Amino acid sequence: MPMLSAVFRRACALPALMALSLLAACSSAPVAPAALYDFGLAPAASAGARLPTALRVADVAGPGWMDGNAIYYRLAYAQGQRTDAYANSRWVESPVSLFDARLRNAAAGRGQVIGYPTPDVPSLRVELVDFSQVFDRPDASRGVVRLRATVSLARGVIDQRVVQADAPAPSPDAAGGVAALTQASDKAIGEVLDWVAGLPLAASASSTPATPGAALGTRRR
């Protein structure tokens, strides 16, 4: 009987060992790397009106959920108040940083861009409010970029505007969302710069008294 009991215990342990071996093999299986995206190459030339004066472009700001590099989407047809992130697709850096670089490149194509504050140079500040892929149907989505733009001088705000740009996604996945958000970003940036070009910035800047030595301060973006 003792011998039969030992044989029975070994027989029962065999399936457990096989299960543990299977779990170990699964846990060591290679994980597919995340696909990384950016906005691609910037347009060769910025179409649109030239800026009437030099312009300072302040750092683009955004809400805390844009600090990471997740690509967010929203199922508007199911639950419009909920956002989710793609599991295996990421931006190479935060969308705020990507948008910031795109905006500066476009602004530089239309005129002189100053990287530090001076009292006689207007400043453009952009705050991203939304930056996501919105699914209106399971098979149809669009990139949505919504922002608030403010132009100011040392004495205060000159004008402010809210801009929203949409662009259709070529496919209902992360790659389609990236393409749509890139196109929507370029549309929003173009609209912002067209608006800035139409403001009386040259007159506003010339009416602002310069402060001696103000341009010698610490340089910052």
C-alpha atoms as a PDB file:
ATOM      1  CA  MET A   1       0.000   0.000   0.000  1.00  0.00           C
ATOM      2  CA  PRO A   2       2.748   2.561   0.765  1.00  0.00           C
ATOM      3  CA  MET A   3       4.233   1.900  -2.681  1.00  0.00           C
ATOM      4  CA  LEU A   4       0.884   2.367  -4.407  1.00  0.00           C
ATOM      5  CA  SER A   5       0.328   5.628  -2.496  1.00  0.00           C
ATOM      6  CA  ALA A   6       3.670   7.034  -3.681  1.00  0.00           C
ATOM      7  CA  VAL A   7       2.880   6.106  -7.284  1.00  0.00           C
ATOM      8  CA  PHE A   8      -0.534   7.795  -6.985  1.00  0.00           C
ATOM      9  CA  ARG A   9       1.028  10.998  -5.624  1.00  0.00           C
ATOM     10  CA  ARG A  10       3.526  11.131  -8.495  1.00  0.00           C
ATOM     11  CA  ALA A  11       0.751  10.597 -11.013  1.00  0.00           C
ATOM     12  CA  CYS A  12      -1.260  13.463  -9.535  1.00  0.00           C
ATOM     13  CA  ALA A  13       1.744  15.783  -9.472  1.00  0.00           C
ATOM     14  CA  LEU A  14       2.481  15.290 -13.180  1.00  0.00           C
ATOM     15  CA  PRO A  15      -0.436  17.442 -14.510  1.00  0.00           C
ATOM     16  CA  ALA A  16       0.446  20.185 -12.032  1.00  0.00           C
ATOM     17  CA  LEU A  17       4.051  20.235 -13.211  1.00  0.00           C
ATOM     18  CA  MET A  18       2.922  20.355 -16.824  1.00  0.00           C
ATOM     19  CA  ALA A  19       0.619  23.302 -16.037  1.00  0.00           C
ATOM     20  CA  LEU A  20       3.440  25.194 -14.306  1.00  0.00           C
ATOM     21  CA  SER A  21       5.757  24.559 -17.246  1.00  0.00           C
ATOM     22  CA  LEU A  22       3.113  25.886 -19.634  1.00  0.00           C
ATOM     23  CA  LEU A  23       2.641  29.053 -17.561  1.00  0.00           C
ATOM     24  CA  ALA A  24       6.397  29.623 -17.458  1.00  0.00           C
ATOM     25  CA  ALA A  25       6.609  29.267 -21.220  1.00  0.00           C
ATOM     26  CA  CYS A  26       3.766  31.747 -21.706  1.00  0.00           C
ATOM     27  CA  SER A  27       5.312  34.301 -19.349  1.00  0.00           C
ATOM     28  CA  SER A  28       8.638  34.149 -21.203  1.00  0.00           C
ATOM     29  CA  ALA A  29       7.063  34.533 -24.655  1.00  0.00           C
ATOM     30  CA  PRO A  30       8.241  37.687 -26.455  1.00  0.00           C
ATOM     31  CA  VAL A  31       5.920  40.696 -26.269  1.00  0.00           C
ATOM     32  CA  ALA A  32       5.359  42.661 -29.470  1.00  0.00           C
ATOM     33  CA  PRO A  33       6.951  46.136 -29.184  1.00  0.00           C
ATOM     34  CA  ALA A  34       4.661  49.130 -29.213  1.00  0.00           C
ATOM     35  CA  ALA A  35       4.312  50.997 -32.511  1.00  0.00           C
ATOM     36  CA  LEU A  36       5.678  54.540 -32.146  1.00  0.00           C
ATOM     37  CA  TYR A  37       4.249  57.483 -34.084  1.00  0.00           C
ATOM     38  CA  ASP A  38       4.966  61.164 -34.610  1.00  0.00           C
ATOM     39  CA  PHE A  39       3.503  63.796 -36.953  1.00  0.00           C
ATOM     40  CA  GLY A  40       5.812  62.865 -39.806  1.00  0.00           C
ATOM     41  CA  LEU A  41       7.624  65.398 -41.946  1.00  0.00           C
ATOM     42  CA  ALA A  42       6.412  68.968 -41.639  1.00  0.00           C
ATOM     43  CA  PRO A  43       4.981  70.645 -44.755  1.00  0.00           C
ATOM     44  CA  ALA A  44       7.739  72.051 -46.963  1.00  0.00           C
ATOM     45  CA  ALA A  45       6.253  75.551 -46.918  1.00  0.00           C
ATOM     46  CA  SER A  46       3.648  77.238 -44.758  1.00  0.00           C
ATOM     47  CA  ALA A  47       0.766  78.527 -46.850  1.00  0.00           C
ATOM     48  CA  GLY A  48      -1.094  81.556 -45.613  1.00  0.00           C
ATOM     49  CA  ALA A  49      -0.599  85.204 -44.738  1.00  0.00           C
ATOM     50  CA  ARG A  50       2.714  86.426 -43.378  1.00  0.00           C
ATOM     51  CA  LEU A  51       2.883  87.532 -39.752  1.00  0.00           C
ATOM     52  CA  PRO A  52       2.766  91.350 -39.538  1.00  0.00           C
ATOM     53  CA  THR A  53       5.510  91.510 -36.910  1.00  0.00           C
ATOM     54  CA  ALA A  54       7.909  89.319 -34.964  1.00  0.00           C
ATOM     55  CA  LEU A  55       6.093  86.853 -32.733  1.00  0.00           C
ATOM     56  CA  ARG A  56       7.034  85.011 -29.602  1.00  0.00           C
ATOM     57  CA  VAL A  57       5.594  81.484 -29.414  1.00  0.00           C
ATOM     58  CA  ALA A  58       5.196  80.392 -25.795  1.00  0.00           C
ATOM     59  CA  ASP A  59       5.342  76.735 -24.776  1.00  0.00           C
ATOM     60  CA  VAL A  60       2.174  74.895 -25.738  1.00  0.00           C
ATOM     61  CA  ALA A  61       0.221  73.796 -22.659  1.00  0.00           C
ATOM     62  CA  GLY A  62      -2.253  70.976 -22.114  1.00  0.00           C
ATOM     63  CA  PRO A  63      -4.153  69.101 -19.407  1.00  0.00           C
ATOM     64  CA  GLY A  64      -2.410  66.508 -17.278  1.00  0.00           C
ATOM     65  CA  TRP A  65      -3.706  63.524 -19.240  1.00  0.00           C
ATOM     66  CA  MET A  66      -1.699  64.712 -22.268  1.00  0.00           C
ATOM     67  CA  ASP A  67       1.602  64.593 -20.372  1.00  0.00           C
ATOM     68  CA  GLY A  68       2.243  60.971 -21.380  1.00  0.00           C
ATOM     69  CA  ASN A  69       2.602  59.516 -24.871  1.00  0.00           C
ATOM     70  CA  ALA A  70      -0.644  57.517 -25.047  1.00  0.00           C
ATOM     71  CA  ILE A  71      -2.850  57.717 -28.149  1.00  0.00           C
ATOM     72  CA  TYR A  72      -6.391  58.292 -26.886  1.00  0.00           C
ATOM     73  CA  TYR A  73      -9.676  57.466 -28.561  1.00  0.00           C
ATOM     74  CA  ARG A  74     -13.319  58.006 -27.653  1.00  0.00           C
ATOM     75  CA  LEU A  75     -16.306  55.840 -28.617  1.00  0.00           C
ATOM     76  CA  ALA A  76     -18.793  58.677 -29.059  1.00  0.00           C
ATOM     77  CA  TYR A  77     -21.508  56.317 -30.314  1.00  0.00           C
ATOM     78  CA  ALA A  78     -21.365  54.255 -27.106  1.00  0.00           C
ATOM     79  CA  GLN A  79     -20.139  56.417 -24.230  1.00  0.00           C
ATOM     80  CA  GLY A  80     -18.918  59.861 -25.200  1.00  0.00           C
ATOM     81  CA  GLN A  81     -17.647  60.723 -21.722  1.00  0.00           C
ATOM     82  CA  ARG A  82     -15.116  57.873 -21.656  1.00  0.00           C
ATOM     83  CA  THR A  83     -11.635  57.862 -23.192  1.00  0.00           C
ATOM     84  CA  ASP A  84      -9.362  54.870 -23.719  1.00  0.00           C
ATOM     85  CA  ALA A  85      -5.784  54.453 -24.890  1.00  0.00           C
ATOM     86  CA  TYR A  86      -4.426  52.046 -27.474  1.00  0.00           C
ATOM     87  CA  ALA A  87      -2.488  49.225 -25.817  1.00  0.00           C
ATOM     88  CA  ASN A  88       0.305  48.726 -28.358  1.00  0.00           C
ATOM     89  CA  SER A  89       0.602  52.130 -30.023  1.00  0.00           C
ATOM     90  CA  ARG A  90       2.228  55.275 -28.638  1.00  0.00           C
ATOM     91  CA  TRP A  91       3.389  58.734 -29.623  1.00  0.00           C
ATOM     92  CA  VAL A  92       7.180  59.075 -29.532  1.00  0.00           C
ATOM     93  CA  GLU A  93       6.658  61.850 -26.968  1.00  0.00           C
ATOM     94  CA  SER A  94       3.702  63.727 -25.544  1.00  0.00           C
ATOM     95  CA  PRO A  95       1.239  65.146 -28.082  1.00  0.00           C
ATOM     96  CA  VAL A  96       1.762  68.549 -26.452  1.00  0.00           C
ATOM     97  CA  SER A  97       5.465  68.447 -27.374  1.00  0.00           C
ATOM     98  CA  LEU A  98       4.716  67.235 -30.894  1.00  0.00           C
ATOM     99  CA  PHE A  99       2.148  69.998 -31.397  1.00  0.00           C
ATOM    100  CA  ASP A 100       4.552  72.584 -29.971  1.00  0.00           C
ATOM    101  CA  ALA A 101       7.250  71.680 -32.516  1.00  0.00           C
ATOM    102  CA  ARG A 102       4.742  71.695 -35.379  1.00  0.00           C
ATOM    103  CA  LEU A 103       3.407  75.123 -34.361  1.00  0.00           C
ATOM    104  CA  ARG A 104       6.881  76.668 -34.120  1.00  0.00           C
ATOM    105  CA  ASN A 105       7.893  75.295 -37.501  1.00  0.00           C
ATOM    106  CA  ALA A 106       4.734  76.671 -39.144  1.00  0.00           C
ATOM    107  CA  ALA A 107       5.086  80.069 -37.455  1.00  0.00           C
ATOM    108  CA  ALA A 108       8.734  80.344 -38.538  1.00  0.00           C
ATOM    109  CA  GLY A 109       7.611  79.716 -42.109  1.00  0.00           C
ATOM    110  CA  ARG A 110       5.411  82.812 -41.948  1.00  0.00           C
ATOM    111  CA  GLY A 111       7.720  85.286 -40.273  1.00  0.00           C
ATOM    112  CA  GLN A 112      10.198  85.901 -37.477  1.00  0.00           C
ATOM    113  CA  VAL A 113       9.761  83.837 -34.300  1.00  0.00           C
ATOM    114  CA  ILE A 114      11.334  85.039 -31.044  1.00  0.00           C
ATOM    115  CA  GLY A 115      12.170  82.465 -28.389  1.00  0.00           C
ATOM    116  CA  TYR A 116      12.272  84.787 -25.386  1.00  0.00           C
ATOM    117  CA  PRO A 117       9.882  87.420 -24.002  1.00  0.00           C
ATOM    118  CA  THR A 118      10.330  91.119 -24.765  1.00  0.00           C
ATOM    119  CA  PRO A 119       7.799  93.853 -23.948  1.00  0.00           C
ATOM    120  CA  ASP A 120       7.422  95.026 -27.568  1.00  0.00           C
ATOM    121  CA  VAL A 121       6.959  91.608 -29.220  1.00  0.00           C
ATOM    122  CA  PRO A 122       3.483  89.994 -29.172  1.00  0.00           C
ATOM    123  CA  SER A 123       3.281  86.547 -27.610  1.00  0.00           C
ATOM    124  CA  LEU A 124       1.157  83.624 -28.817  1.00  0.00           C
ATOM    125  CA  ARG A 125       0.128  81.029 -26.244  1.00  0.00           C
ATOM    126  CA  VAL A 126      -1.749  77.875 -27.231  1.00  0.00           C
ATOM    127  CA  GLU A 127      -3.481  75.566 -24.753  1.00  0.00           C
ATOM    128  CA  LEU A 128      -4.654  72.205 -26.050  1.00  0.00           C
ATOM    129  CA  VAL A 129      -8.068  71.211 -24.722  1.00  0.00           C
ATOM    130  CA  ASP A 130      -8.730  67.994 -26.662  1.00  0.00           C
ATOM    131  CA  PHE A 131      -6.509  65.775 -28.772  1.00  0.00           C
ATOM    132  CA  SER A 132      -8.155  62.443 -29.481  1.00  0.00           C
ATOM    133  CA  GLN A 133      -9.562  60.087 -32.082  1.00  0.00           C
ATOM    134  CA  VAL A 134     -13.361  60.138 -31.949  1.00  0.00           C
ATOM    135  CA  PHE A 135     -15.359  57.168 -33.235  1.00  0.00           C
ATOM    136  CA  ASP A 136     -18.802  58.259 -34.418  1.00  0.00           C
ATOM    137  CA  ARG A 137     -19.408  54.672 -35.597  1.00  0.00           C
ATOM    138  CA  PRO A 138     -17.395  51.476 -35.117  1.00  0.00           C
ATOM    139  CA  ASP A 139     -16.014  51.827 -38.650  1.00  0.00           C
ATOM    140  CA  ALA A 140     -15.727  55.626 -38.878  1.00  0.00           C
ATOM    141  CA  SER A 141     -13.594  57.995 -36.799  1.00  0.00           C
ATOM    142  CA  ARG A 142     -11.957  61.410 -36.958  1.00  0.00           C
ATOM    143  CA  GLY A 143      -9.105  63.242 -35.309  1.00  0.00           C
ATOM    144  CA  VAL A 144     -10.259  66.111 -33.096  1.00  0.00           C
ATOM    145  CA  VAL A 145      -7.935  68.918 -32.019  1.00  0.00           C
ATOM    146  CA  ARG A 146      -9.433  71.659 -29.861  1.00  0.00           C
ATOM    147  CA  LEU A 147      -7.392  74.527 -28.447  1.00  0.00           C
ATOM    148  CA  ARG A 148      -7.515  77.998 -26.951  1.00  0.00           C
ATOM    149  CA  ALA A 149      -5.148  80.584 -28.448  1.00  0.00           C
ATOM    150  CA  THR A 150      -4.220  83.872 -26.770  1.00  0.00           C
ATOM    151  CA  VAL A 151      -2.173  86.744 -28.173  1.00  0.00           C
ATOM    152  CA  SER A 152      -0.861  89.251 -25.659  1.00  0.00           C
ATOM    153  CA  LEU A 153       1.666  92.018 -25.033  1.00  0.00           C
ATOM    154  CA  ALA A 154       3.262  93.152 -21.809  1.00  0.00           C
ATOM    155  CA  ARG A 155       0.254  95.320 -20.989  1.00  0.00           C
ATOM    156  CA  GLY A 156      -2.316  92.547 -21.430  1.00  0.00           C
ATOM    157  CA  VAL A 157      -4.321  90.348 -23.772  1.00  0.00           C
ATOM    158  CA  ILE A 158      -4.831  91.548 -27.343  1.00  0.00           C
ATOM    159  CA  ASP A 159      -7.244  88.825 -28.434  1.00  0.00           C
ATOM    160  CA  GLN A 160      -8.249  85.244 -27.698  1.00  0.00           C
ATOM    161  CA  ARG A 161      -9.871  82.518 -29.772  1.00  0.00           C
ATOM    162  CA  VAL A 162     -11.044  78.910 -29.496  1.00  0.00           C
ATOM    163  CA  VAL A 163     -10.271  76.704 -32.496  1.00  0.00           C
ATOM    164  CA  GLN A 164     -11.447  73.177 -33.266  1.00  0.00           C
ATOM    165  CA  ALA A 165     -10.247  71.211 -36.282  1.00  0.00           C
ATOM    166  CA  ASP A 166     -11.456  67.765 -37.356  1.00  0.00           C
ATOM    167  CA  ALA A 167     -10.035  65.414 -39.975  1.00  0.00           C
ATOM    168  CA  PRO A 168     -11.367  61.995 -41.069  1.00  0.00           C
ATOM    169  CA  ALA A 169      -9.314  58.929 -40.173  1.00  0.00           C
ATOM    170  CA  PRO A 170      -8.397  56.704 -43.149  1.00  0.00           C
ATOM    171  CA  SER A 171      -8.769  53.573 -41.000  1.00  0.00           C
ATOM    172  CA  PRO A 172     -10.498  52.741 -37.683  1.00  0.00           C
ATOM    173  CA  ASP A 173      -7.287  52.012 -35.766  1.00  0.00           C
ATOM    174  CA  ALA A 174      -4.296  53.729 -34.176  1.00  0.00           C
ATOM    175  CA  ALA A 175      -2.545  54.377 -37.498  1.00  0.00           C
ATOM    176  CA  GLY A 176      -5.695  56.007 -38.851  1.00  0.00           C
ATOM    177  CA  GLY A 177      -6.048  58.082 -35.685  1.00  0.00           C
ATOM    178  CA  VAL A 178      -2.453  59.304 -35.959  1.00  0.00           C
ATOM    179  CA  ALA A 179      -2.978  60.355 -39.588  1.00  0.00           C
ATOM    180  CA  ALA A 180      -6.217  62.166 -38.701  1.00  0.00           C
ATOM    181  CA  LEU A 181      -4.740  63.937 -35.669  1.00  0.00           C
ATOM    182  CA  THR A 182      -1.725  65.069 -37.683  1.00  0.00           C
ATOM    183  CA  GLN A 183      -3.981  66.534 -40.371  1.00  0.00           C
ATOM    184  CA  ALA A 184      -6.264  68.137 -37.767  1.00  0.00           C
ATOM    185  CA  SER A 185      -3.224  69.646 -36.016  1.00  0.00           C
ATOM    186  CA  ASP A 186      -2.004  71.235 -39.242  1.00  0.00           C
ATOM    187  CA  LYS A 187      -5.488  72.603 -39.924  1.00  0.00           C
ATOM    188  CA  ALA A 188      -5.761  74.053 -36.401  1.00  0.00           C
ATOM    189  CA  ILE A 189      -2.282  75.590 -36.598  1.00  0.00           C
ATOM    190  CA  GLY A 190      -3.077  77.123 -39.978  1.00  0.00           C
ATOM    191  CA  GLU A 191      -6.287  78.641 -38.631  1.00  0.00           C
ATOM    192  CA  VAL A 192      -4.497  80.044 -35.582  1.00  0.00           C
ATOM    193  CA  LEU A 193      -1.722  81.635 -37.653  1.00  0.00           C
ATOM    194  CA  ASP A 194      -4.223  83.077 -40.165  1.00  0.00           C
ATOM    195  CA  TRP A 195      -6.049  84.653 -37.230  1.00  0.00           C
ATOM    196  CA  VAL A 196      -2.815  86.021 -35.746  1.00  0.00           C
ATOM    197  CA  ALA A 197      -1.801  87.455 -39.137  1.00  0.00           C
ATOM    198  CA  GLY A 198      -5.061  89.392 -39.272  1.00  0.00           C
ATOM    199  CA  LEU A 199      -4.600  91.095 -35.889  1.00  0.00           C
ATOM    200  CA  PRO A 200      -3.231  94.675 -35.712  1.00  0.00           C
ATOM    201  CA  LEU A 201      -0.042  93.475 -34.048  1.00  0.00           C
ATOM    202  CA  ALA A 202       2.331  95.944 -35.684  1.00  0.00           C
ATOM    203  CA  ALA A 203       0.314  98.904 -34.372  1.00  0.00           C
ATOM    204  CA  SER A 204      -0.052  97.317 -30.936  1.00  0.00           C
ATOM    205  CA  ALA A 205       3.662  96.617 -30.686  1.00  0.00           C
ATOM    206  CA  SER A 206       4.667 100.128 -31.775  1.00  0.00           C
ATOM    207  CA  SER A 207       2.377 101.692 -29.142  1.00  0.00           C
ATOM    208  CA  THR A 208       3.992  99.727 -26.289  1.00  0.00           C
ATOM    209  CA  PRO A 209       6.821 101.648 -24.589  1.00  0.00           C
ATOM    210  CA  ALA A 210      10.030  99.638 -24.464  1.00  0.00           C
ATOM    211  CA  THR A 211      11.675  99.003 -21.120  1.00  0.00           C
ATOM    212  CA  PRO A 212      15.457  99.583 -21.217  1.00  0.00           C
ATOM    213  CA  GLY A 213      17.390  96.373 -20.711  1.00  0.00           C
ATOM    214  CA  ALA A 214      14.261  94.167 -20.794  1.00  0.00           C
ATOM    215  CA  ALA A 215      15.588  92.082 -23.668  1.00  0.00           C
ATOM    216  CA  LEU A 216      18.688  91.190 -21.641  1.00  0.00           C
ATOM    217  CA  GLY A 217      16.821  88.884 -19.282  1.00  0.00           C
ATOM    218  CA  THR A 218      17.200  85.142 -19.060  1.00  0.00           C
ATOM    219  CA  ARG A 219      16.365  83.411 -22.320  1.00  0.00           C
ATOM    220  CA  ARG A 220      13.556  80.899 -22.169  1.00  0.00           C
ATOM    221  CA  ARG A 221      10.987  79.416 -24.480  1.00  0.00           C
END
